[in-house]
N, C-alpha and C. Protein backbone atom coordinates (compact mmCIF):
# COMPACT_ATOMS: atom_id res chain seq x y z
N MET A 1 -33.99 1.99 -30.01
CA MET A 1 -32.89 2.21 -29.12
C MET A 1 -32.83 0.71 -28.18
N ASN A 2 -31.57 0.35 -28.30
CA ASN A 2 -31.61 -1.45 -27.67
C ASN A 2 -31.41 -1.60 -26.47
N GLY A 3 -31.71 -2.52 -25.69
CA GLY A 3 -31.22 -2.83 -24.37
C GLY A 3 -30.29 -2.13 -23.55
N GLU A 4 -28.75 -2.30 -24.08
CA GLU A 4 -27.69 -2.05 -23.86
C GLU A 4 -27.48 -0.43 -24.00
N ALA A 5 -27.96 0.47 -24.90
CA ALA A 5 -28.03 1.48 -24.89
C ALA A 5 -28.87 2.11 -23.57
N ILE A 6 -30.23 1.62 -23.49
CA ILE A 6 -30.61 2.12 -22.28
C ILE A 6 -29.83 2.02 -20.98
N PHE A 7 -29.50 0.63 -20.70
CA PHE A 7 -28.57 0.92 -19.78
C PHE A 7 -27.38 1.94 -19.45
N THR A 8 -26.51 1.95 -20.36
CA THR A 8 -25.56 2.72 -20.41
C THR A 8 -25.68 3.72 -20.49
N GLU A 9 -26.91 4.43 -20.93
CA GLU A 9 -27.27 5.68 -21.12
C GLU A 9 -28.01 6.60 -20.10
N TYR A 10 -28.91 5.32 -19.25
CA TYR A 10 -29.74 5.88 -18.35
C TYR A 10 -29.83 5.25 -16.99
N LEU A 11 -29.43 3.93 -16.71
CA LEU A 11 -29.68 3.46 -15.58
C LEU A 11 -28.03 3.21 -15.08
N LEU A 12 -27.08 2.95 -16.04
CA LEU A 12 -25.79 3.14 -15.19
C LEU A 12 -25.21 4.65 -14.49
N PRO A 13 -25.69 5.60 -15.37
CA PRO A 13 -25.66 7.02 -14.69
C PRO A 13 -26.65 7.19 -13.13
N PHE A 14 -27.83 6.79 -13.15
CA PHE A 14 -28.58 6.27 -12.07
C PHE A 14 -28.15 5.64 -10.89
N THR A 15 -27.43 4.42 -11.31
CA THR A 15 -27.15 3.79 -10.19
C THR A 15 -25.76 4.57 -9.68
N GLY A 16 -25.37 4.94 -10.36
CA GLY A 16 -24.06 5.99 -9.45
C GLY A 16 -24.69 7.21 -8.99
N ILE A 17 -25.49 7.58 -9.31
CA ILE A 17 -26.38 8.69 -8.38
C ILE A 17 -27.04 7.95 -6.83
N LEU A 18 -27.26 6.84 -6.86
CA LEU A 18 -28.06 6.28 -6.08
C LEU A 18 -26.79 5.84 -4.82
N ILE A 19 -25.50 5.28 -5.55
CA ILE A 19 -24.58 5.07 -4.88
C ILE A 19 -23.92 6.15 -4.36
N ILE A 20 -24.13 7.32 -4.96
CA ILE A 20 -23.61 8.87 -4.06
C ILE A 20 -24.60 8.90 -2.91
N ILE A 21 -25.68 8.96 -3.28
CA ILE A 21 -26.60 9.26 -2.23
C ILE A 21 -26.53 8.32 -0.89
N ALA A 22 -26.60 6.95 -1.05
CA ALA A 22 -26.25 6.21 -0.32
C ALA A 22 -25.10 6.43 0.80
N LEU A 23 -23.93 6.79 -0.19
CA LEU A 23 -22.43 7.30 0.70
C LEU A 23 -22.87 8.33 1.56
N VAL A 24 -23.37 9.44 1.10
CA VAL A 24 -23.68 10.50 1.47
C VAL A 24 -24.49 10.42 2.96
N ALA A 25 -25.41 9.71 2.88
CA ALA A 25 -26.27 9.23 3.85
C ALA A 25 -26.11 8.44 5.25
N THR A 26 -24.85 7.25 4.70
CA THR A 26 -24.02 7.13 5.69
C THR A 26 -23.09 7.84 6.55
N VAL A 27 -22.20 8.49 5.68
CA VAL A 27 -21.62 9.49 6.52
C VAL A 27 -22.03 10.15 7.48
N VAL A 28 -23.43 10.82 6.93
CA VAL A 28 -24.30 11.87 7.81
C VAL A 28 -24.66 10.94 9.08
N GLY A 29 -25.26 9.60 8.91
CA GLY A 29 -25.51 8.84 9.74
C GLY A 29 -24.31 8.43 10.62
N PHE A 30 -23.35 8.11 10.34
CA PHE A 30 -22.18 8.19 10.97
C PHE A 30 -21.70 9.15 11.93
N LEU A 31 -21.78 10.62 11.26
CA LEU A 31 -21.70 11.64 12.21
C LEU A 31 -22.64 11.88 13.26
N MET A 32 -24.24 11.69 13.02
CA MET A 32 -24.86 11.79 13.92
C MET A 32 -24.59 10.93 14.75
N SER A 33 -24.25 9.44 14.82
CA SER A 33 -24.30 8.34 15.69
C SER A 33 -22.92 8.95 16.80
N ILE A 34 -21.77 9.23 16.09
CA ILE A 34 -20.99 10.11 16.95
C ILE A 34 -21.35 11.08 18.07
N ALA A 35 -22.02 12.01 17.55
CA ALA A 35 -22.65 13.05 17.94
C ALA A 35 -23.42 12.86 19.15
N THR A 36 -24.20 11.82 19.18
CA THR A 36 -25.35 11.43 20.32
C THR A 36 -24.54 10.32 21.11
N ASP A 37 -23.76 9.41 20.82
CA ASP A 37 -23.08 8.20 21.71
C ASP A 37 -21.79 8.19 21.16
N PRO A 38 -20.86 8.60 21.45
CA PRO A 38 -19.38 8.50 21.02
C PRO A 38 -18.49 7.20 21.05
N LYS A 39 -19.15 6.26 22.16
CA LYS A 39 -18.90 5.17 22.50
C LYS A 39 -19.14 4.28 21.24
N SER A 40 -20.50 4.68 20.55
CA SER A 40 -20.75 3.50 19.39
C SER A 40 -19.87 3.90 18.35
N ALA A 41 -18.96 4.90 18.16
CA ALA A 41 -18.17 5.11 17.10
C ALA A 41 -16.77 4.09 17.05
N ILE A 42 -16.75 3.66 18.04
CA ILE A 42 -16.02 2.26 17.77
C ILE A 42 -16.48 1.41 17.25
N THR A 43 -17.73 0.91 17.71
CA THR A 43 -18.32 -0.23 16.72
C THR A 43 -18.15 -0.04 15.09
N VAL A 44 -18.66 1.40 14.76
CA VAL A 44 -18.78 1.40 13.28
C VAL A 44 -17.33 1.78 12.78
N LEU A 45 -16.38 1.96 13.31
CA LEU A 45 -15.27 1.86 12.92
C LEU A 45 -14.57 0.71 13.08
N GLY A 46 -14.77 -0.20 13.70
CA GLY A 46 -14.71 -1.51 13.59
C GLY A 46 -14.95 -2.39 12.32
N THR A 47 -16.64 -1.67 12.27
CA THR A 47 -17.00 -2.16 11.20
C THR A 47 -16.38 -1.94 9.66
N VAL A 48 -15.95 -0.57 9.46
CA VAL A 48 -15.31 -0.19 8.47
C VAL A 48 -14.07 -0.53 8.38
N ALA A 49 -13.25 -0.97 9.07
CA ALA A 49 -11.92 -1.51 9.24
C ALA A 49 -12.15 -3.15 8.66
N GLY A 50 -13.30 -3.67 9.45
CA GLY A 50 -13.62 -5.09 8.92
C GLY A 50 -13.72 -5.18 7.12
N LEU A 51 -14.38 -4.17 6.68
CA LEU A 51 -14.93 -4.19 5.25
C LEU A 51 -13.77 -3.62 4.78
N ALA A 52 -12.98 -2.80 5.09
CA ALA A 52 -11.37 -2.76 4.48
C ALA A 52 -10.57 -3.78 4.31
N ILE A 53 -10.57 -4.60 5.33
CA ILE A 53 -10.06 -5.98 5.50
C ILE A 53 -10.38 -6.79 4.43
N LEU A 54 -11.75 -7.24 4.66
CA LEU A 54 -12.13 -8.10 3.30
C LEU A 54 -11.93 -7.11 2.02
N PHE A 55 -11.92 -6.04 1.82
CA PHE A 55 -11.68 -5.34 0.48
C PHE A 55 -10.09 -5.70 0.22
N PHE A 56 -9.12 -5.57 0.50
CA PHE A 56 -8.09 -5.81 0.63
C PHE A 56 -7.93 -7.15 0.54
N ILE A 57 -8.48 -8.18 0.97
CA ILE A 57 -8.20 -9.53 0.84
C ILE A 57 -8.59 -10.00 -0.15
N GLY A 58 -10.03 -9.19 -0.89
CA GLY A 58 -10.23 -9.71 -2.37
C GLY A 58 -9.48 -8.93 -3.45
N TYR A 59 -9.03 -7.79 -3.25
CA TYR A 59 -8.09 -7.34 -4.02
C TYR A 59 -6.85 -8.05 -4.67
N SER A 60 -6.37 -8.52 -3.03
CA SER A 60 -5.37 -9.24 -3.56
C SER A 60 -5.36 -10.50 -3.98
N MET A 61 -6.89 -11.00 -3.98
CA MET A 61 -7.20 -12.50 -4.55
C MET A 61 -7.57 -12.20 -6.32
N ALA A 62 -7.59 -10.80 -6.67
CA ALA A 62 -7.96 -10.67 -7.87
C ALA A 62 -7.41 -10.88 -8.93
N ASP A 63 -7.76 -11.07 -9.96
CA ASP A 63 -7.21 -11.09 -11.56
C ASP A 63 -7.06 -9.63 -12.23
N SER A 64 -6.10 -9.42 -12.62
CA SER A 64 -5.53 -8.21 -13.04
C SER A 64 -5.60 -8.04 -14.94
N SER A 65 -5.91 -9.62 -15.21
CA SER A 65 -6.29 -9.52 -16.75
C SER A 65 -7.12 -8.73 -17.42
N VAL A 66 -6.79 -8.23 -18.65
CA VAL A 66 -7.86 -7.40 -19.05
C VAL A 66 -7.90 -7.72 -20.71
N THR A 67 -8.63 -8.02 -21.33
CA THR A 67 -9.25 -8.61 -23.08
C THR A 67 -8.88 -7.29 -23.68
N ALA A 68 -8.34 -7.04 -24.83
CA ALA A 68 -8.71 -5.94 -25.71
C ALA A 68 -9.83 -5.42 -25.94
N ARG A 69 -11.02 -6.01 -26.03
CA ARG A 69 -12.45 -5.49 -25.97
C ARG A 69 -12.39 -4.86 -24.44
N GLU A 70 -12.17 -5.42 -23.55
CA GLU A 70 -12.56 -4.55 -22.19
C GLU A 70 -11.54 -2.94 -22.49
N LEU A 71 -10.33 -3.36 -22.95
CA LEU A 71 -9.63 -2.04 -22.81
C LEU A 71 -10.30 -1.04 -23.96
N ASN A 72 -10.46 -1.21 -25.07
CA ASN A 72 -10.92 -0.80 -26.17
C ASN A 72 -12.32 0.10 -26.13
N GLU A 73 -13.18 -0.84 -25.59
CA GLU A 73 -14.45 -0.12 -25.48
C GLU A 73 -14.74 0.67 -24.00
N PHE A 74 -14.10 0.00 -22.81
CA PHE A 74 -14.58 0.39 -21.65
C PHE A 74 -13.29 1.49 -21.13
N GLY A 75 -12.23 1.22 -21.73
CA GLY A 75 -11.08 1.46 -20.93
C GLY A 75 -10.88 1.31 -19.77
N VAL A 76 -11.06 -0.26 -19.58
CA VAL A 76 -10.40 -0.62 -18.32
C VAL A 76 -9.09 -1.14 -18.43
N ASN A 77 -8.11 -0.22 -17.79
CA ASN A 77 -6.86 -1.08 -17.32
C ASN A 77 -6.67 -2.78 -16.50
N GLU A 78 -5.60 -2.59 -16.14
CA GLU A 78 -5.26 -3.66 -15.14
C GLU A 78 -5.45 -3.22 -13.91
N ASP A 79 -5.19 -2.21 -13.53
CA ASP A 79 -5.19 -1.99 -11.96
C ASP A 79 -6.64 -1.64 -11.97
N LEU A 80 -7.61 -0.87 -12.69
CA LEU A 80 -8.73 -0.67 -12.50
C LEU A 80 -9.58 -2.35 -12.45
N SER A 81 -9.52 -3.11 -13.60
CA SER A 81 -10.01 -4.40 -13.58
C SER A 81 -9.62 -5.18 -11.85
N GLN A 82 -8.31 -4.90 -11.32
CA GLN A 82 -8.14 -5.41 -10.07
C GLN A 82 -8.94 -4.84 -9.13
N LYS A 83 -9.27 -3.67 -9.08
CA LYS A 83 -9.84 -2.70 -7.83
C LYS A 83 -11.58 -3.58 -8.05
N ILE A 84 -11.81 -3.40 -9.54
CA ILE A 84 -13.28 -4.29 -9.57
C ILE A 84 -13.49 -5.89 -9.16
N GLY A 85 -12.62 -6.60 -9.45
CA GLY A 85 -12.38 -8.02 -9.00
C GLY A 85 -12.25 -7.91 -7.46
N GLY A 86 -11.70 -7.00 -6.92
CA GLY A 86 -11.22 -6.86 -5.04
C GLY A 86 -13.06 -6.44 -4.81
N ILE A 87 -13.86 -5.68 -5.07
CA ILE A 87 -15.35 -5.21 -4.80
C ILE A 87 -15.99 -6.60 -5.10
N LEU A 88 -15.82 -7.02 -6.34
CA LEU A 88 -16.98 -8.16 -6.51
C LEU A 88 -16.21 -9.70 -5.32
N ASN A 89 -15.22 -9.49 -5.26
CA ASN A 89 -14.67 -11.03 -4.26
C ASN A 89 -15.71 -10.29 -3.01
N MET A 90 -15.05 -8.95 -2.59
CA MET A 90 -15.77 -8.65 -1.00
C MET A 90 -17.19 -8.83 -1.14
N THR A 91 -17.81 -8.33 -2.33
CA THR A 91 -19.23 -9.00 -2.21
C THR A 91 -19.71 -10.04 -1.76
N TYR A 92 -18.67 -11.19 -2.65
CA TYR A 92 -18.72 -12.66 -2.25
C TYR A 92 -18.92 -13.28 -0.84
N TYR A 93 -17.58 -12.49 -0.52
CA TYR A 93 -17.26 -12.88 0.79
C TYR A 93 -18.60 -12.28 1.94
N LEU A 94 -18.99 -11.06 1.79
CA LEU A 94 -20.72 -10.70 2.52
C LEU A 94 -21.45 -11.51 2.23
N PHE A 95 -21.58 -11.85 1.18
CA PHE A 95 -22.79 -12.61 0.63
C PHE A 95 -22.72 -13.83 1.77
N GLY A 96 -21.30 -14.78 1.49
CA GLY A 96 -21.07 -15.92 2.29
C GLY A 96 -21.31 -15.83 3.77
N ILE A 97 -20.64 -14.54 4.44
CA ILE A 97 -20.93 -14.35 5.91
C ILE A 97 -22.68 -14.04 6.10
N SER A 98 -23.02 -13.80 5.59
CA SER A 98 -24.67 -13.23 5.57
C SER A 98 -25.04 -14.64 5.48
N ILE A 99 -24.95 -15.33 4.81
CA ILE A 99 -25.54 -16.77 4.26
C ILE A 99 -25.65 -17.65 6.11
N VAL A 100 -23.80 -17.67 6.38
CA VAL A 100 -23.53 -18.46 7.55
C VAL A 100 -24.19 -17.70 8.64
N ALA A 101 -24.40 -16.37 8.84
CA ALA A 101 -24.87 -15.80 9.75
C ALA A 101 -26.56 -16.15 9.88
N ILE A 102 -27.14 -16.33 9.11
CA ILE A 102 -28.67 -16.71 8.82
C ILE A 102 -28.84 -18.06 9.22
N VAL A 103 -28.07 -18.71 9.18
CA VAL A 103 -28.27 -20.22 9.25
C VAL A 103 -27.67 -20.20 10.99
N ILE A 104 -26.70 -20.05 11.43
CA ILE A 104 -26.32 -19.84 12.98
C ILE A 104 -27.76 -19.32 13.85
N ASP A 105 -28.33 -18.04 13.15
CA ASP A 105 -29.56 -17.72 13.94
C ASP A 105 -30.52 -18.65 13.67
N ALA A 106 -31.01 -19.29 12.85
CA ALA A 106 -31.88 -20.37 12.76
C ALA A 106 -31.87 -21.40 13.69
N VAL A 107 -30.47 -21.79 13.56
CA VAL A 107 -30.18 -22.72 14.55
C VAL A 107 -30.36 -22.55 15.90
N GLN A 108 -29.85 -21.00 16.45
CA GLN A 108 -30.23 -20.92 17.66
C GLN A 108 -31.40 -20.79 18.20
N ARG A 109 -32.45 -20.20 17.03
CA ARG A 109 -34.01 -20.55 17.57
C ARG A 109 -34.46 -21.54 17.68
N ILE A 110 -33.75 -22.73 16.67
CA ILE A 110 -34.55 -23.97 17.12
C ILE A 110 -34.10 -24.37 18.67
N ILE A 111 -32.59 -24.16 18.86
CA ILE A 111 -32.34 -24.60 19.99
C ILE A 111 -33.51 -23.87 21.09
N LYS A 112 -33.19 -23.12 21.04
CA LYS A 112 -33.99 -21.94 22.44
C LYS A 112 -35.63 -22.72 22.50
N SER A 113 -36.27 -22.80 20.95
CA SER A 113 -37.76 -23.25 21.21
C SER A 113 -37.71 -24.74 21.68
N ILE A 114 -36.86 -25.62 21.34
CA ILE A 114 -36.51 -26.88 22.00
C ILE A 114 -36.44 -26.82 23.40
N GLY A 115 -35.51 -26.05 23.79
CA GLY A 115 -35.11 -26.25 25.55
C GLY A 115 -35.77 -24.98 26.26
């Protein structure tokens, strides 16, 4: 069995299961936080709205072109290709935001240690 077959037959479905588990845990955690502190729901809803905005920005900037290989082998049409591109773009945006946040935090710590 080659590496690609192992990936498509075992690791890809396992990744899907992990994503579903993470989604369920997130929803349960959100519901528990609403039950314990209803005011915290506003922060969580703001975060979800921010992620949705980042996705729609990424989706609108994504390319919907599909090659013949992608269409035949994977069944990816133009709409699915654009959705995948939107998720990838959102991931890039979040990565950039996290790098900026890390740099800002480091600069603030340096300034506090000096002053």
